[in-house]
Protein backbone atom coordinates (compact mmCIF):
# COMPACT_ATOMS: atom_id res chain seq x y z
CA MET A 1 75.62 171.36 42.73
CA SER A 2 75.67 168.24 44.83
CA GLU A 3 77.24 168.08 48.30
CA PRO A 4 80.21 165.85 48.72
CA ARG A 5 79.29 162.58 50.35
CA GLY A 6 82.78 161.60 51.36
CA THR A 7 82.34 162.98 54.86
CA GLU A 8 79.63 160.49 55.78
CA PRO A 9 80.87 157.25 57.33
CA PRO A 10 80.38 154.25 55.19
CA GLU A 11 77.56 151.99 56.21
CA PRO A 12 78.70 148.56 57.41
CA GLU A 13 78.01 145.75 55.13
CA HIS A 14 75.78 143.08 56.68
CA ASP A 15 76.43 139.50 55.80
CA ASN A 16 73.36 137.34 55.72
CA THR A 17 75.32 134.16 56.47
CA THR A 18 74.91 132.44 59.88
CA GLN A 19 77.98 131.33 61.84
CA ARG A 20 77.88 128.35 64.19
CA LEU A 21 79.47 128.98 67.59
CA PRO A 22 81.70 126.28 69.06
CA VAL A 23 80.00 124.05 71.58
CA LEU A 24 81.90 123.37 74.78
CA GLN A 25 81.53 119.74 75.69
CA LYS A 26 82.22 118.40 79.17
CA PRO A 27 85.31 116.21 79.00
CA GLU A 28 85.06 112.66 80.16
CA THR A 29 87.42 112.17 83.08
CA GLY A 30 86.57 108.63 84.09
CA THR A 31 86.36 105.23 82.55
CA GLY A 32 82.99 104.44 84.07
CA PRO A 33 79.90 106.07 85.51
CA ASP A 34 80.18 108.17 88.64
CA ARG A 35 78.81 106.18 91.56
CA SER A 36 79.46 108.79 94.24
CA ALA A 37 75.98 110.26 94.04
CA GLN A 38 74.42 106.83 93.93
CA ALA A 39 76.42 105.71 96.95
CA ALA A 40 75.47 108.84 98.85
CA GLY A 41 71.83 108.42 98.00
CA ASP A 42 71.63 104.77 98.93
CA GLY A 43 73.10 105.32 102.37
CA LYS A 44 74.73 101.87 102.27
CA PRO A 45 78.45 101.22 102.77
CA PRO A 46 80.44 99.87 99.86
CA GLU A 47 80.72 96.15 99.45
CA SER A 48 84.38 96.22 100.47
CA GLU A 49 83.48 97.73 103.84
CA SER A 50 80.33 95.74 104.54
CA GLU A 51 81.85 92.39 103.63
CA GLY A 52 85.04 92.75 105.66
CA GLY A 53 85.44 89.51 107.57
CA ARG A 54 87.42 88.81 110.68
CA GLU A 55 91.14 88.83 110.12
CA GLY A 56 93.69 86.90 112.13
CA ARG A 57 96.42 88.53 114.15
CA PHE A 58 99.75 89.47 112.66
CA TRP A 59 102.56 86.99 113.23
CA SER A 60 105.77 88.29 114.71
CA ALA A 61 109.04 87.49 112.98
CA ARG A 62 110.73 87.04 116.39
CA ARG A 63 114.17 87.70 114.97
CA ILE A 64 115.86 88.20 118.35
CA PRO A 65 114.90 84.82 119.94
CA ALA A 66 115.56 83.01 116.67
CA GLY A 67 118.93 84.72 116.31
CA ILE A 68 119.96 83.89 119.89
CA VAL A 69 118.99 80.22 119.53
CA ALA A 70 120.74 79.98 116.16
CA LEU A 71 123.94 81.51 117.56
CA LEU A 72 123.93 79.20 120.59
CA LEU A 73 123.37 76.10 118.47
CA LEU A 74 126.00 77.21 115.98
CA GLY A 75 128.56 77.83 118.71
CA LEU A 76 127.83 74.53 120.46
CA ALA A 77 127.95 72.54 117.22
CA GLY A 78 131.17 74.26 116.17
CA LEU A 79 132.77 73.52 119.52
CA PHE A 80 131.89 69.82 119.38
CA LEU A 81 133.00 69.61 115.76
CA TYR A 82 136.35 71.18 116.62
CA ASP A 83 136.85 68.75 119.48
CA ILE A 84 136.00 65.74 117.30
CA ALA A 85 138.37 66.94 114.58
CA SER A 86 141.06 67.45 117.22
CA VAL A 87 140.63 63.87 118.44
CA ARG A 88 140.80 62.57 114.88
CA ALA A 89 144.10 64.43 114.52
CA ASP A 90 145.56 62.46 117.47
CA ARG A 91 145.25 65.34 119.89
CA PRO A 92 143.95 65.03 123.46
CA VAL A 93 140.25 65.52 124.17
CA MET A 94 139.27 68.85 125.68
CA SER A 95 139.10 68.70 129.44
CA TRP A 96 135.59 70.12 129.64
CA ARG A 97 134.17 67.35 127.43
CA ARG A 98 135.93 64.67 129.47
CA GLU A 99 134.62 66.20 132.70
CA LEU A 100 131.11 66.49 131.25
CA ALA A 101 131.11 62.84 130.20
CA ARG A 102 132.31 61.79 133.65
CA GLN A 103 129.66 63.85 135.42
CA LEU A 104 126.89 62.45 133.23
CA ALA A 105 128.10 58.91 133.87
CA GLU A 106 128.52 59.20 137.64
CA ARG A 107 125.74 61.53 138.80
CA PRO A 108 122.38 59.90 139.58
CA LEU A 109 119.18 61.13 137.96
CA ASP A 110 117.79 62.43 141.26
CA ASP A 111 120.76 64.72 141.82
CA THR A 112 119.90 68.35 142.48
CA TRP A 113 122.00 69.78 139.66
CA VAL A 114 120.64 67.24 137.20
CA LEU A 115 117.08 68.17 138.13
CA VAL A 116 117.88 71.88 137.89
CA GLY A 117 119.45 71.47 134.46
CA ALA A 118 116.53 69.37 133.25
CA GLY A 119 114.07 71.97 134.53
CA VAL A 120 115.92 74.81 132.78
CA ALA A 121 116.06 72.84 129.53
CA ALA A 122 112.35 71.99 129.77
CA ALA A 123 111.41 75.62 130.48
CA LEU A 124 113.52 76.81 127.57
CA GLY A 125 111.92 74.25 125.28
CA LEU A 126 108.39 75.22 126.36
CA TRP A 127 109.23 78.89 125.81
CA LEU A 128 110.47 78.18 122.29
CA LEU A 129 107.36 76.10 121.54
CA ALA A 130 105.14 78.92 122.80
CA LEU A 131 106.96 81.41 120.59
CA ALA A 132 106.56 79.12 117.60
CA ALA A 133 102.84 78.43 118.17
CA THR A 134 101.58 81.93 119.07
CA PRO A 135 101.34 84.86 116.64
CA GLY A 136 102.64 87.62 118.90
CA LEU A 137 102.37 91.35 118.02
CA ARG A 138 99.65 91.86 120.60
CA HIS A 139 99.91 95.64 120.28
CA VAL A 140 98.72 95.54 116.63
CA LEU A 141 94.96 95.23 116.10
CA PRO A 142 94.02 93.71 112.71
CA MET A 143 91.71 95.85 110.58
CA ARG A 144 89.02 94.82 108.12
CA ARG A 145 90.42 93.81 104.76
CA THR A 146 89.03 96.07 102.04
CA HIS A 147 91.37 94.75 99.37
CA PRO A 148 92.28 91.07 98.93
CA ASP A 149 96.01 91.80 98.63
CA VAL A 150 96.36 94.37 101.42
CA ARG A 151 96.35 93.78 105.17
CA ALA A 152 96.30 96.64 107.64
CA GLY A 153 96.75 96.91 111.38
CA LEU A 154 96.24 99.63 113.97
CA ASP A 155 98.46 100.11 116.99
CA ARG A 156 96.60 99.90 120.28
CA ASP A 157 98.12 103.13 121.58
CA ALA A 158 97.01 104.97 118.43
CA ALA A 159 93.50 103.57 118.81
CA ALA A 160 93.42 104.65 122.45
CA THR A 161 94.55 108.15 121.50
CA ALA A 162 91.84 108.44 118.84
CA LEU A 163 89.16 107.30 121.29
CA ARG A 164 90.41 109.67 123.96
CA ASP A 165 90.21 112.62 121.55
CA ARG A 166 86.62 111.69 120.74
CA ALA A 167 85.80 111.37 124.44
CA MET A 168 87.12 114.86 125.15
CA GLU A 169 84.61 116.26 122.66
CA VAL A 170 81.68 115.22 124.86
CA ALA A 171 80.21 118.07 126.86
CA GLY A 172 80.97 117.79 130.56
CA VAL A 173 84.14 115.69 130.22
CA GLN A 174 87.06 117.28 132.03
CA SER A 175 89.60 114.52 131.46
CA ALA A 176 89.56 111.05 129.99
CA GLN A 177 91.74 107.96 129.91
CA VAL A 178 91.27 105.14 127.41
CA ARG A 179 92.98 101.76 127.37
CA VAL A 180 92.49 99.46 124.41
CA ARG A 181 93.11 95.75 124.55
CA ARG A 182 92.45 93.03 122.00
CA ARG A 183 88.97 92.27 123.35
CA ARG A 184 88.01 95.24 125.51
CA ALA A 185 88.33 99.02 125.54
CA LYS A 186 88.07 100.75 128.91
CA ALA A 187 87.26 104.45 129.11
CA ARG A 188 87.54 106.39 132.37
CA ALA A 189 86.32 109.98 132.38
CA VAL A 190 86.01 112.80 134.91
CA SER A 191 82.97 115.07 134.55
CA HIS A 192 82.84 118.46 136.25
CA PHE A 193 79.30 119.36 135.20
CA ARG A 194 76.15 117.72 133.84
CA GLU A 195 74.58 114.61 135.23
CA LEU A 196 76.84 111.58 135.29
CA ASP A 197 74.23 109.38 133.61
CA ASP A 198 73.90 111.84 130.72
CA VAL A 199 77.65 112.08 130.29
CA ARG A 200 78.00 108.32 130.46
CA SER A 201 75.25 107.84 127.86
CA ASP A 202 76.86 110.35 125.49
CA LEU A 203 80.28 108.82 125.99
CA ASP A 204 78.94 105.36 125.28
CA ALA A 205 77.30 106.52 122.05
CA VAL A 206 80.30 108.57 120.88
CA LEU A 207 82.90 105.91 121.67
CA THR A 208 80.80 103.13 120.16
CA ASP A 209 80.63 105.10 116.92
CA ALA A 210 84.37 105.86 117.16
CA ILE A 211 85.26 102.18 117.61
CA ARG A 212 83.12 101.33 114.61
CA GLY A 213 84.94 104.00 112.63
CA LEU A 214 88.36 102.51 113.42
CA GLY A 215 87.63 99.72 110.96
CA LEU A 216 88.87 96.92 113.20
CA SER A 217 88.27 93.33 112.27
CA ARG A 218 87.21 92.49 115.82
CA PRO A 219 85.91 95.63 117.54
CA PRO A 220 86.61 95.46 121.29
CA ALA A 221 83.80 95.59 123.82
CA LEU A 222 83.39 99.02 125.40
CA SER A 223 83.40 99.74 129.12
CA VAL A 224 82.70 103.33 130.28
CA ARG A 225 83.02 104.79 133.78
CA VAL A 226 82.38 108.40 134.73
CA ARG A 227 83.09 110.05 138.09
CA ARG A 228 83.31 113.47 139.69
CA PRO A 229 86.68 115.13 140.20
CA GLY A 230 88.23 114.60 143.60
CA ARG A 231 88.44 117.37 146.14
CA LYS A 232 91.63 119.37 146.25
CA GLU A 233 93.27 119.31 149.66
């Protein structure tokens, strides 16, 4: 009598076919080759940074002087036009224009008030010519142009703050003051320890690198002075 074989678990059937697993491919996320590694390995700045030429200063719109001059000219022209129209309408001439014509006809050229008026008019004209011929916006430092259609500028106070923060990172500097002008940057620091020559040398190196990092079109010349703190009375 044979034993029942139903209690034994059935043996799994092995399939001799081979299944291919899906291959995960790295997606392409750019339209060109990655140049970051190449740029890091070369150690050279990009062309846009190395070829940045000197940029001119920003020109001020000068809306306030232009608006004042325009309003004065408009008011004066309107006043004369009204007086001329009034005369054409058989009305008497305004008294101020009659008095002005009389004064201009009778007063000599060497009169004090004539000379004062001529001096004021000449000074006003020279001031307007200076405003028209100079760019203005002296507090904005032009930066190197990295894109042909984009111009950037850095405020002098912001540049001074950035340089002061870098100066405070130098060992031995207790306090620092930095003033940035168009052609020169002056740094004044107080050192409470270390040799002054060492602190001055480190400050010169750090601030020179910081000025270069600002990306200015015309980096200002650096002047560094270091002193000991004064005695407390």
